[in-house]
Amino acid sequence: MDKNNYYNEIIKMAIDVRNYSYSPYSGFKVGACLRDKEGNLFTGCNIENAAFSPTNCAERTAFFKAVSEGSREFECIAIAGGASEKIRDFCPPCGVCRQVMMEFCDPVTFKIILVKSENEYREMLLKDLLPEGFGALNIK
């Protein structure tokens, strides 16, 4: 399968869902689109809170939606974000989101797609963004 075609839909959805971001404090709008192993897609945007601590990132919003709907195995996530309407750079996930990914994903195969535009993106593995990650296997 052509990688570009495979990612086109989730990249576009990650960019588009930024429109739903609730970010009145930072102005930093983030969108994410998560694909599970069945091919289902789950979107999320960041949702800020005046108290900051209850703020939820786009990536976690997508994961929590997916898990709450019964999905537990994931292939990839596209993430698009920035402090203006036009995305100016790649937006990597924060440490908390990386840890949530570690809970539900195989770090050796789960792909994180950092999106700058519909045609410009970087593909990374979770193990590269969270080396020596702590997960369920560490507890067993």
C-alpha atoms as a PDB file:
ATOM      1  CA  MET A   1       0.000   0.000   0.000  1.00  0.00           C
ATOM      2  CA  ASP A   2       1.243   3.499  -0.860  1.00  0.00           C
ATOM      3  CA  LYS A   3       2.105   5.202   2.420  1.00  0.00           C
ATOM      4  CA  ASN A   4       1.029   8.647   1.180  1.00  0.00           C
ATOM      5  CA  ASN A   5      -2.438   7.421   0.235  1.00  0.00           C
ATOM      6  CA  TYR A   6      -2.720   5.482   3.492  1.00  0.00           C
ATOM      7  CA  TYR A   7      -2.032   8.609   5.534  1.00  0.00           C
ATOM      8  CA  ASN A   8      -3.970  11.136   3.397  1.00  0.00           C
ATOM      9  CA  GLU A   9      -7.272  10.693   5.213  1.00  0.00           C
ATOM     10  CA  ILE A  10      -5.924  10.862   8.765  1.00  0.00           C
ATOM     11  CA  ILE A  11      -3.676  13.816   7.925  1.00  0.00           C
ATOM     12  CA  LYS A  12      -6.585  15.775   6.461  1.00  0.00           C
ATOM     13  CA  MET A  13      -8.818  14.884   9.407  1.00  0.00           C
ATOM     14  CA  ALA A  14      -6.135  15.937  11.935  1.00  0.00           C
ATOM     15  CA  ILE A  15      -5.813  19.299  10.206  1.00  0.00           C
ATOM     16  CA  ASP A  16      -9.584  19.784   9.922  1.00  0.00           C
ATOM     17  CA  VAL A  17     -10.425  18.871  13.529  1.00  0.00           C
ATOM     18  CA  ARG A  18      -8.225  21.764  14.708  1.00  0.00           C
ATOM     19  CA  ASN A  19     -11.285  23.896  13.911  1.00  0.00           C
ATOM     20  CA  TYR A  20     -12.998  22.405  16.973  1.00  0.00           C
ATOM     21  CA  SER A  21     -10.127  23.175  19.337  1.00  0.00           C
ATOM     22  CA  TYR A  22     -11.151  25.004  22.488  1.00  0.00           C
ATOM     23  CA  SER A  23      -7.980  26.980  23.153  1.00  0.00           C
ATOM     24  CA  PRO A  24      -8.939  30.471  24.364  1.00  0.00           C
ATOM     25  CA  TYR A  25      -5.888  30.777  26.651  1.00  0.00           C
ATOM     26  CA  SER A  26      -2.990  29.587  24.515  1.00  0.00           C
ATOM     27  CA  GLY A  27      -4.446  30.026  21.041  1.00  0.00           C
ATOM     28  CA  PHE A  28      -2.544  26.817  20.193  1.00  0.00           C
ATOM     29  CA  LYS A  29      -4.930  24.612  18.194  1.00  0.00           C
ATOM     30  CA  VAL A  30      -4.170  20.905  17.908  1.00  0.00           C
ATOM     31  CA  GLY A  31      -6.012  18.178  16.041  1.00  0.00           C
ATOM     32  CA  ALA A  32      -5.386  14.443  15.998  1.00  0.00           C
ATOM     33  CA  CYS A  33      -6.741  11.485  14.083  1.00  0.00           C
ATOM     34  CA  LEU A  34      -6.156   7.973  15.411  1.00  0.00           C
ATOM     35  CA  ARG A  35      -6.505   4.812  13.302  1.00  0.00           C
ATOM     36  CA  ASP A  36      -7.172   1.511  15.040  1.00  0.00           C
ATOM     37  CA  LYS A  37      -6.190  -1.887  13.648  1.00  0.00           C
ATOM     38  CA  GLU A  38      -9.710  -2.354  12.240  1.00  0.00           C
ATOM     39  CA  GLY A  39      -9.361   0.840  10.195  1.00  0.00           C
ATOM     40  CA  ASN A  40     -11.713   2.904  12.375  1.00  0.00           C
ATOM     41  CA  LEU A  41     -10.824   6.568  12.794  1.00  0.00           C
ATOM     42  CA  PHE A  42     -11.162   8.658  15.955  1.00  0.00           C
ATOM     43  CA  THR A  43     -10.532  12.380  16.034  1.00  0.00           C
ATOM     44  CA  GLY A  44      -9.679  14.672  18.903  1.00  0.00           C
ATOM     45  CA  CYS A  45      -8.831  18.293  19.542  1.00  0.00           C
ATOM     46  CA  ASN A  46      -7.267  20.015  22.501  1.00  0.00           C
ATOM     47  CA  ILE A  47      -9.689  21.320  25.128  1.00  0.00           C
ATOM     48  CA  GLU A  48      -8.275  23.917  27.499  1.00  0.00           C
ATOM     49  CA  ASN A  49      -9.440  24.914  30.948  1.00  0.00           C
ATOM     50  CA  ALA A  50      -8.806  28.091  32.919  1.00  0.00           C
ATOM     51  CA  ALA A  51      -7.271  25.960  35.680  1.00  0.00           C
ATOM     52  CA  PHE A  52      -4.840  24.478  33.084  1.00  0.00           C
ATOM     53  CA  SER A  53      -4.407  21.116  34.841  1.00  0.00           C
ATOM     54  CA  PRO A  54      -7.790  19.790  33.583  1.00  0.00           C
ATOM     55  CA  THR A  55      -6.807  20.670  29.992  1.00  0.00           C
ATOM     56  CA  ASN A  56      -6.865  17.675  27.633  1.00  0.00           C
ATOM     57  CA  CYS A  57      -4.642  17.294  24.583  1.00  0.00           C
ATOM     58  CA  ALA A  58      -5.957  16.339  21.149  1.00  0.00           C
ATOM     59  CA  GLU A  59      -4.126  13.028  21.177  1.00  0.00           C
ATOM     60  CA  ARG A  60      -5.606  11.939  24.500  1.00  0.00           C
ATOM     61  CA  THR A  61      -9.058  13.081  23.397  1.00  0.00           C
ATOM     62  CA  ALA A  62      -8.781  10.779  20.360  1.00  0.00           C
ATOM     63  CA  PHE A  63      -7.483   7.867  22.442  1.00  0.00           C
ATOM     64  CA  PHE A  64     -10.120   8.261  25.147  1.00  0.00           C
ATOM     65  CA  LYS A  65     -12.893   8.401  22.526  1.00  0.00           C
ATOM     66  CA  ALA A  66     -11.553   5.243  20.896  1.00  0.00           C
ATOM     67  CA  VAL A  67     -11.165   3.332  24.147  1.00  0.00           C
ATOM     68  CA  SER A  68     -14.605   4.443  25.349  1.00  0.00           C
ATOM     69  CA  GLU A  69     -16.035   2.968  22.151  1.00  0.00           C
ATOM     70  CA  GLY A  70     -14.287  -0.389  22.658  1.00  0.00           C
ATOM     71  CA  SER A  71     -11.158  -0.035  20.552  1.00  0.00           C
ATOM     72  CA  ARG A  72      -7.884  -1.175  22.146  1.00  0.00           C
ATOM     73  CA  GLU A  73      -5.414  -1.844  19.315  1.00  0.00           C
ATOM     74  CA  PHE A  74      -3.994   1.011  17.256  1.00  0.00           C
ATOM     75  CA  GLU A  75      -1.826   1.504  14.175  1.00  0.00           C
ATOM     76  CA  CYS A  76      -1.087   5.203  13.913  1.00  0.00           C
ATOM     77  CA  ILE A  77      -2.019   8.742  14.856  1.00  0.00           C
ATOM     78  CA  ALA A  78      -1.658  11.985  12.876  1.00  0.00           C
ATOM     79  CA  ILE A  79      -1.090  15.182  14.869  1.00  0.00           C
ATOM     80  CA  ALA A  80      -1.357  18.739  13.521  1.00  0.00           C
ATOM     81  CA  GLY A  81      -1.011  21.847  15.640  1.00  0.00           C
ATOM     82  CA  GLY A  82       0.128  25.393  15.977  1.00  0.00           C
ATOM     83  CA  ALA A  83      -0.535  28.821  17.406  1.00  0.00           C
ATOM     84  CA  SER A  84      -2.103  30.237  14.266  1.00  0.00           C
ATOM     85  CA  GLU A  85      -4.568  29.246  11.585  1.00  0.00           C
ATOM     86  CA  LYS A  86      -1.697  28.114   9.365  1.00  0.00           C
ATOM     87  CA  ILE A  87       0.418  25.287  10.728  1.00  0.00           C
ATOM     88  CA  ARG A  88       4.014  26.513  10.754  1.00  0.00           C
ATOM     89  CA  ASP A  89       5.892  23.520  12.134  1.00  0.00           C
ATOM     90  CA  PHE A  90       5.576  19.929  13.290  1.00  0.00           C
ATOM     91  CA  CYS A  91       3.787  19.410  16.619  1.00  0.00           C
ATOM     92  CA  PRO A  92       5.085  16.439  18.613  1.00  0.00           C
ATOM     93  CA  PRO A  93       2.956  14.953  21.400  1.00  0.00           C
ATOM     94  CA  CYS A  94       3.631  15.964  24.985  1.00  0.00           C
ATOM     95  CA  GLY A  95       5.038  13.500  27.501  1.00  0.00           C
ATOM     96  CA  VAL A  96       1.642  12.685  29.009  1.00  0.00           C
ATOM     97  CA  CYS A  97       0.238  11.818  25.574  1.00  0.00           C
ATOM     98  CA  ARG A  98       3.285   9.672  24.820  1.00  0.00           C
ATOM     99  CA  GLN A  99       2.616   7.766  28.048  1.00  0.00           C
ATOM    100  CA  VAL A 100      -1.053   7.223  27.086  1.00  0.00           C
ATOM    101  CA  MET A 101       0.139   5.901  23.721  1.00  0.00           C
ATOM    102  CA  MET A 102       2.491   3.556  25.578  1.00  0.00           C
ATOM    103  CA  GLU A 103      -0.487   2.164  27.497  1.00  0.00           C
ATOM    104  CA  PHE A 104      -2.384   1.147  24.366  1.00  0.00           C
ATOM    105  CA  CYS A 105       0.196   0.759  21.599  1.00  0.00           C
ATOM    106  CA  ASP A 106       3.155  -1.395  20.669  1.00  0.00           C
ATOM    107  CA  PRO A 107       6.051   1.094  20.730  1.00  0.00           C
ATOM    108  CA  VAL A 108       7.902  -0.863  18.032  1.00  0.00           C
ATOM    109  CA  THR A 109       5.085  -0.663  15.465  1.00  0.00           C
ATOM    110  CA  PHE A 110       2.849   2.298  16.432  1.00  0.00           C
ATOM    111  CA  LYS A 111       3.421   5.207  14.061  1.00  0.00           C
ATOM    112  CA  ILE A 112       3.123   8.878  14.991  1.00  0.00           C
ATOM    113  CA  ILE A 113       2.617  11.146  11.994  1.00  0.00           C
ATOM    114  CA  LEU A 114       3.655  14.741  12.679  1.00  0.00           C
ATOM    115  CA  VAL A 115       1.830  16.960  10.203  1.00  0.00           C
ATOM    116  CA  LYS A 116       2.975  20.306   8.810  1.00  0.00           C
ATOM    117  CA  SER A 117       0.611  20.260   5.821  1.00  0.00           C
ATOM    118  CA  GLU A 118      -1.364  17.753   3.790  1.00  0.00           C
ATOM    119  CA  ASN A 119       1.799  17.086   1.787  1.00  0.00           C
ATOM    120  CA  GLU A 120       4.482  17.511   4.433  1.00  0.00           C
ATOM    121  CA  TYR A 121       4.716  15.145   7.364  1.00  0.00           C
ATOM    122  CA  ARG A 122       7.150  13.044   9.394  1.00  0.00           C
ATOM    123  CA  GLU A 123       6.556   9.447  10.394  1.00  0.00           C
ATOM    124  CA  MET A 124       8.048   8.318  13.694  1.00  0.00           C
ATOM    125  CA  LEU A 125       7.714   5.273  15.913  1.00  0.00           C
ATOM    126  CA  LEU A 126       6.559   5.572  19.502  1.00  0.00           C
ATOM    127  CA  LYS A 127       9.767   3.851  20.676  1.00  0.00           C
ATOM    128  CA  ASP A 128      11.765   6.717  19.147  1.00  0.00           C
ATOM    129  CA  LEU A 129       9.677   9.412  20.839  1.00  0.00           C
ATOM    130  CA  LEU A 130       9.528   7.572  24.163  1.00  0.00           C
ATOM    131  CA  PRO A 131      12.706   5.513  24.533  1.00  0.00           C
ATOM    132  CA  GLU A 132      12.699   3.173  27.519  1.00  0.00           C
ATOM    133  CA  GLY A 133       8.954   3.800  27.891  1.00  0.00           C
ATOM    134  CA  PHE A 134       7.137   2.312  30.873  1.00  0.00           C
ATOM    135  CA  GLY A 135       4.128   0.181  30.082  1.00  0.00           C
ATOM    136  CA  ALA A 136       2.043  -2.838  31.038  1.00  0.00           C
ATOM    137  CA  LEU A 137       4.886  -5.262  30.303  1.00  0.00           C
ATOM    138  CA  ASN A 138       6.979  -3.583  32.994  1.00  0.00           C
ATOM    139  CA  ILE A 139       4.340  -4.453  35.593  1.00  0.00           C
ATOM    140  CA  LYS A 140       3.919  -8.119  34.599  1.00  0.00           C
END
